[in-house]
Amino acid sequence: EGNEPGDSMKITYSELLRRVCQFANVLRGQGVKKGDRVSIYLPMILELVVAMLACARIGALHSVVFAGFSADSLCERILDCGCSLLIT
């Protein structure tokens, strides 16, 4: 369910798994490995769930910063967790 009334999307577990595996491969291609820290700066959309599950799949730690935060707040959170990649 999205933020707006009537904004929704349906996805099967099979399709979700395919997207998660595909994005996990993208993360690996960017050099992310087990134990790395990744920040995710996205609104409440399907891609947020895919990114979180892809991080979990490869063993990377993830920190979600919702898109309503300011640039300064985002910067502080990135520096605090020492992330190696930001997903937007």
N, C-alpha and C. Protein backbone atom coordinates (compact mmCIF):
# COMPACT_ATOMS: atom_id res chain seq x y z
N GLU A 1 0.84 -1.18 0.00
CA GLU A 1 0.00 0.00 0.00
C GLU A 1 0.88 1.24 0.00
N GLY A 2 0.57 2.18 -0.87
CA GLY A 2 1.32 3.42 -0.94
C GLY A 2 0.77 4.47 0.01
N ASN A 3 1.35 5.64 -0.04
CA ASN A 3 0.91 6.74 0.83
C ASN A 3 -0.40 7.34 0.37
N GLU A 4 -0.63 7.36 -0.91
CA GLU A 4 -1.86 7.94 -1.46
C GLU A 4 -2.97 6.90 -1.49
N PRO A 5 -4.22 7.31 -1.24
CA PRO A 5 -5.33 6.35 -1.33
C PRO A 5 -5.43 5.76 -2.74
N GLY A 6 -5.59 4.48 -2.78
CA GLY A 6 -5.70 3.81 -4.07
C GLY A 6 -4.36 3.47 -4.71
N ASP A 7 -3.28 3.89 -4.09
CA ASP A 7 -1.93 3.60 -4.61
C ASP A 7 -1.45 2.28 -4.00
N SER A 8 -1.53 1.21 -4.79
CA SER A 8 -1.11 -0.09 -4.28
C SER A 8 -0.46 -0.88 -5.40
N MET A 9 0.22 -1.94 -5.00
CA MET A 9 0.92 -2.79 -5.96
C MET A 9 0.90 -4.21 -5.42
N LYS A 10 0.76 -5.18 -6.29
CA LYS A 10 0.80 -6.58 -5.90
C LYS A 10 2.02 -7.23 -6.52
N ILE A 11 2.68 -8.07 -5.74
CA ILE A 11 3.87 -8.77 -6.22
C ILE A 11 3.86 -10.17 -5.61
N THR A 12 4.30 -11.14 -6.37
CA THR A 12 4.36 -12.50 -5.85
C THR A 12 5.69 -12.70 -5.12
N TYR A 13 5.74 -13.72 -4.29
CA TYR A 13 6.99 -14.04 -3.61
C TYR A 13 8.08 -14.37 -4.61
N SER A 14 7.70 -15.05 -5.67
CA SER A 14 8.66 -15.42 -6.71
C SER A 14 9.26 -14.17 -7.37
N GLU A 15 8.42 -13.20 -7.69
CA GLU A 15 8.91 -11.96 -8.31
C GLU A 15 9.77 -11.17 -7.32
N LEU A 16 9.37 -11.16 -6.05
CA LEU A 16 10.16 -10.47 -5.04
C LEU A 16 11.54 -11.12 -4.91
N LEU A 17 11.59 -12.44 -4.88
CA LEU A 17 12.87 -13.14 -4.80
C LEU A 17 13.74 -12.82 -6.00
N ARG A 18 13.16 -12.79 -7.19
CA ARG A 18 13.92 -12.47 -8.40
C ARG A 18 14.53 -11.07 -8.30
N ARG A 19 13.72 -10.10 -7.85
CA ARG A 19 14.21 -8.72 -7.73
C ARG A 19 15.28 -8.59 -6.67
N VAL A 20 15.10 -9.28 -5.55
CA VAL A 20 16.08 -9.23 -4.46
C VAL A 20 17.41 -9.82 -4.93
N CYS A 21 17.37 -10.98 -5.58
CA CYS A 21 18.61 -11.61 -6.07
C CYS A 21 19.29 -10.73 -7.10
N GLN A 22 18.51 -10.12 -7.98
CA GLN A 22 19.06 -9.23 -9.00
C GLN A 22 19.76 -8.03 -8.35
N PHE A 23 19.12 -7.42 -7.35
CA PHE A 23 19.72 -6.26 -6.70
C PHE A 23 20.91 -6.66 -5.83
N ALA A 24 20.86 -7.85 -5.24
CA ALA A 24 22.02 -8.34 -4.47
C ALA A 24 23.23 -8.47 -5.38
N ASN A 25 23.01 -8.91 -6.61
CA ASN A 25 24.11 -9.00 -7.58
C ASN A 25 24.64 -7.62 -7.94
N VAL A 26 23.75 -6.63 -8.03
CA VAL A 26 24.18 -5.26 -8.30
C VAL A 26 25.06 -4.77 -7.15
N LEU A 27 24.62 -5.03 -5.92
CA LEU A 27 25.41 -4.62 -4.76
C LEU A 27 26.78 -5.29 -4.75
N ARG A 28 26.81 -6.58 -5.04
CA ARG A 28 28.10 -7.29 -5.12
C ARG A 28 28.98 -6.69 -6.19
N GLY A 29 28.39 -6.31 -7.32
CA GLY A 29 29.13 -5.68 -8.40
C GLY A 29 29.73 -4.33 -8.01
N GLN A 30 29.10 -3.67 -7.03
CA GLN A 30 29.60 -2.39 -6.51
C GLN A 30 30.62 -2.61 -5.39
N GLY A 31 30.92 -3.86 -5.10
CA GLY A 31 31.94 -4.17 -4.10
C GLY A 31 31.42 -4.34 -2.68
N VAL A 32 30.10 -4.38 -2.51
CA VAL A 32 29.53 -4.57 -1.17
C VAL A 32 29.66 -6.05 -0.80
N LYS A 33 30.16 -6.29 0.41
CA LYS A 33 30.33 -7.67 0.86
C LYS A 33 29.82 -7.81 2.29
N LYS A 34 29.86 -9.02 2.80
CA LYS A 34 29.36 -9.32 4.14
C LYS A 34 30.04 -8.42 5.16
N GLY A 35 29.22 -7.82 6.03
CA GLY A 35 29.75 -6.96 7.07
C GLY A 35 29.83 -5.49 6.71
N ASP A 36 29.73 -5.16 5.42
CA ASP A 36 29.74 -3.75 5.00
C ASP A 36 28.46 -3.07 5.47
N ARG A 37 28.52 -1.75 5.57
CA ARG A 37 27.35 -0.97 5.98
C ARG A 37 26.81 -0.19 4.79
N VAL A 38 25.50 -0.25 4.62
CA VAL A 38 24.83 0.41 3.51
C VAL A 38 23.70 1.28 4.06
N SER A 39 23.61 2.52 3.61
CA SER A 39 22.48 3.38 3.97
C SER A 39 21.49 3.39 2.82
N ILE A 40 20.22 3.38 3.16
CA ILE A 40 19.14 3.38 2.17
C ILE A 40 18.29 4.61 2.42
N TYR A 41 18.21 5.48 1.42
CA TYR A 41 17.46 6.75 1.51
C TYR A 41 16.36 6.73 0.46
N LEU A 42 15.21 6.15 0.84
CA LEU A 42 14.09 5.97 -0.09
C LEU A 42 12.77 6.21 0.62
N PRO A 43 11.74 6.62 -0.13
CA PRO A 43 10.40 6.67 0.47
C PRO A 43 9.85 5.25 0.61
N MET A 44 8.65 5.14 1.12
CA MET A 44 8.02 3.83 1.32
C MET A 44 7.52 3.28 -0.02
N ILE A 45 8.44 2.67 -0.76
CA ILE A 45 8.14 2.06 -2.05
C ILE A 45 8.68 0.65 -2.05
N LEU A 46 8.29 -0.14 -3.04
CA LEU A 46 8.72 -1.52 -3.13
C LEU A 46 10.24 -1.65 -3.19
N GLU A 47 10.90 -0.72 -3.84
CA GLU A 47 12.35 -0.79 -3.99
C GLU A 47 13.06 -0.70 -2.64
N LEU A 48 12.44 -0.06 -1.65
CA LEU A 48 13.00 -0.02 -0.30
C LEU A 48 13.07 -1.43 0.28
N VAL A 49 12.00 -2.18 0.15
CA VAL A 49 11.97 -3.55 0.65
C VAL A 49 12.99 -4.41 -0.08
N VAL A 50 13.06 -4.25 -1.40
CA VAL A 50 14.01 -5.02 -2.21
C VAL A 50 15.44 -4.71 -1.76
N ALA A 51 15.76 -3.45 -1.54
CA ALA A 51 17.11 -3.06 -1.13
C ALA A 51 17.45 -3.64 0.25
N MET A 52 16.51 -3.57 1.19
CA MET A 52 16.76 -4.12 2.53
C MET A 52 17.00 -5.63 2.47
N LEU A 53 16.16 -6.34 1.73
CA LEU A 53 16.31 -7.79 1.63
C LEU A 53 17.57 -8.18 0.88
N ALA A 54 17.96 -7.39 -0.12
CA ALA A 54 19.20 -7.67 -0.85
C ALA A 54 20.41 -7.51 0.06
N CYS A 55 20.39 -6.48 0.91
CA CYS A 55 21.48 -6.30 1.87
C CYS A 55 21.55 -7.50 2.81
N ALA A 56 20.40 -7.91 3.32
CA ALA A 56 20.35 -9.05 4.23
C ALA A 56 20.83 -10.32 3.53
N ARG A 57 20.51 -10.45 2.26
CA ARG A 57 20.88 -11.65 1.51
C ARG A 57 22.38 -11.82 1.40
N ILE A 58 23.12 -10.70 1.25
CA ILE A 58 24.58 -10.80 1.11
C ILE A 58 25.29 -10.57 2.44
N GLY A 59 24.54 -10.29 3.51
CA GLY A 59 25.15 -10.13 4.83
C GLY A 59 25.64 -8.73 5.13
N ALA A 60 25.19 -7.75 4.36
CA ALA A 60 25.55 -6.36 4.62
C ALA A 60 24.57 -5.76 5.61
N LEU A 61 25.07 -4.91 6.49
CA LEU A 61 24.20 -4.22 7.44
C LEU A 61 23.58 -3.03 6.74
N HIS A 62 22.31 -2.77 7.01
CA HIS A 62 21.66 -1.64 6.35
C HIS A 62 21.03 -0.71 7.38
N SER A 63 21.02 0.56 7.03
CA SER A 63 20.40 1.60 7.85
C SER A 63 19.43 2.36 6.95
N VAL A 64 18.16 2.36 7.32
CA VAL A 64 17.15 3.03 6.52
C VAL A 64 16.96 4.46 7.03
N VAL A 65 17.10 5.42 6.12
CA VAL A 65 16.83 6.83 6.42
C VAL A 65 15.69 7.22 5.50
N PHE A 66 14.53 7.49 6.05
CA PHE A 66 13.37 7.79 5.23
C PHE A 66 13.55 9.12 4.51
N ALA A 67 12.95 9.23 3.35
CA ALA A 67 13.18 10.33 2.42
C ALA A 67 12.75 11.69 2.95
N GLY A 68 12.07 11.76 4.08
CA GLY A 68 11.65 13.04 4.63
C GLY A 68 12.76 13.77 5.38
N PHE A 69 13.89 13.11 5.63
CA PHE A 69 14.98 13.74 6.37
C PHE A 69 15.73 14.75 5.50
N SER A 70 16.29 15.75 6.14
CA SER A 70 17.05 16.77 5.42
C SER A 70 18.42 16.23 5.01
N ALA A 71 19.11 16.98 4.16
CA ALA A 71 20.44 16.57 3.71
C ALA A 71 21.41 16.50 4.89
N ASP A 72 21.31 17.44 5.83
CA ASP A 72 22.19 17.42 6.99
C ASP A 72 21.96 16.20 7.87
N SER A 73 20.69 15.85 8.07
CA SER A 73 20.36 14.67 8.86
C SER A 73 20.87 13.41 8.19
N LEU A 74 20.72 13.34 6.88
CA LEU A 74 21.21 12.19 6.12
C LEU A 74 22.73 12.09 6.26
N CYS A 75 23.41 13.21 6.12
CA CYS A 75 24.87 13.23 6.23
C CYS A 75 25.32 12.73 7.61
N GLU A 76 24.66 13.19 8.66
CA GLU A 76 25.02 12.75 10.01
C GLU A 76 24.85 11.25 10.17
N ARG A 77 23.79 10.71 9.65
CA ARG A 77 23.54 9.28 9.79
C ARG A 77 24.54 8.46 8.98
N ILE A 78 24.92 8.94 7.81
CA ILE A 78 25.91 8.24 7.00
C ILE A 78 27.25 8.22 7.73
N LEU A 79 27.65 9.35 8.27
CA LEU A 79 28.93 9.42 8.99
C LEU A 79 28.90 8.59 10.27
N ASP A 80 27.78 8.61 10.98
CA ASP A 80 27.68 7.84 12.22
C ASP A 80 27.82 6.35 12.00
N CYS A 81 27.21 5.84 10.94
CA CYS A 81 27.27 4.38 10.72
C CYS A 81 28.47 3.98 9.87
N GLY A 82 29.15 4.92 9.27
CA GLY A 82 30.33 4.60 8.46
C GLY A 82 30.00 3.76 7.25
N CYS A 83 28.93 4.13 6.56
CA CYS A 83 28.48 3.30 5.43
C CYS A 83 29.41 3.44 4.23
N SER A 84 29.45 2.39 3.44
CA SER A 84 30.28 2.38 2.24
C SER A 84 29.48 2.64 0.98
N LEU A 85 28.14 2.63 1.08
CA LEU A 85 27.29 2.85 -0.09
C LEU A 85 25.98 3.48 0.34
N LEU A 86 25.47 4.39 -0.46
CA LEU A 86 24.16 5.01 -0.23
C LEU A 86 23.26 4.65 -1.38
N ILE A 87 22.11 4.08 -1.08
CA ILE A 87 21.11 3.74 -2.10
C ILE A 87 20.02 4.79 -2.05
N THR A 88 19.77 5.46 -3.18
CA THR A 88 18.71 6.47 -3.25
C THR A 88 17.77 6.15 -4.37
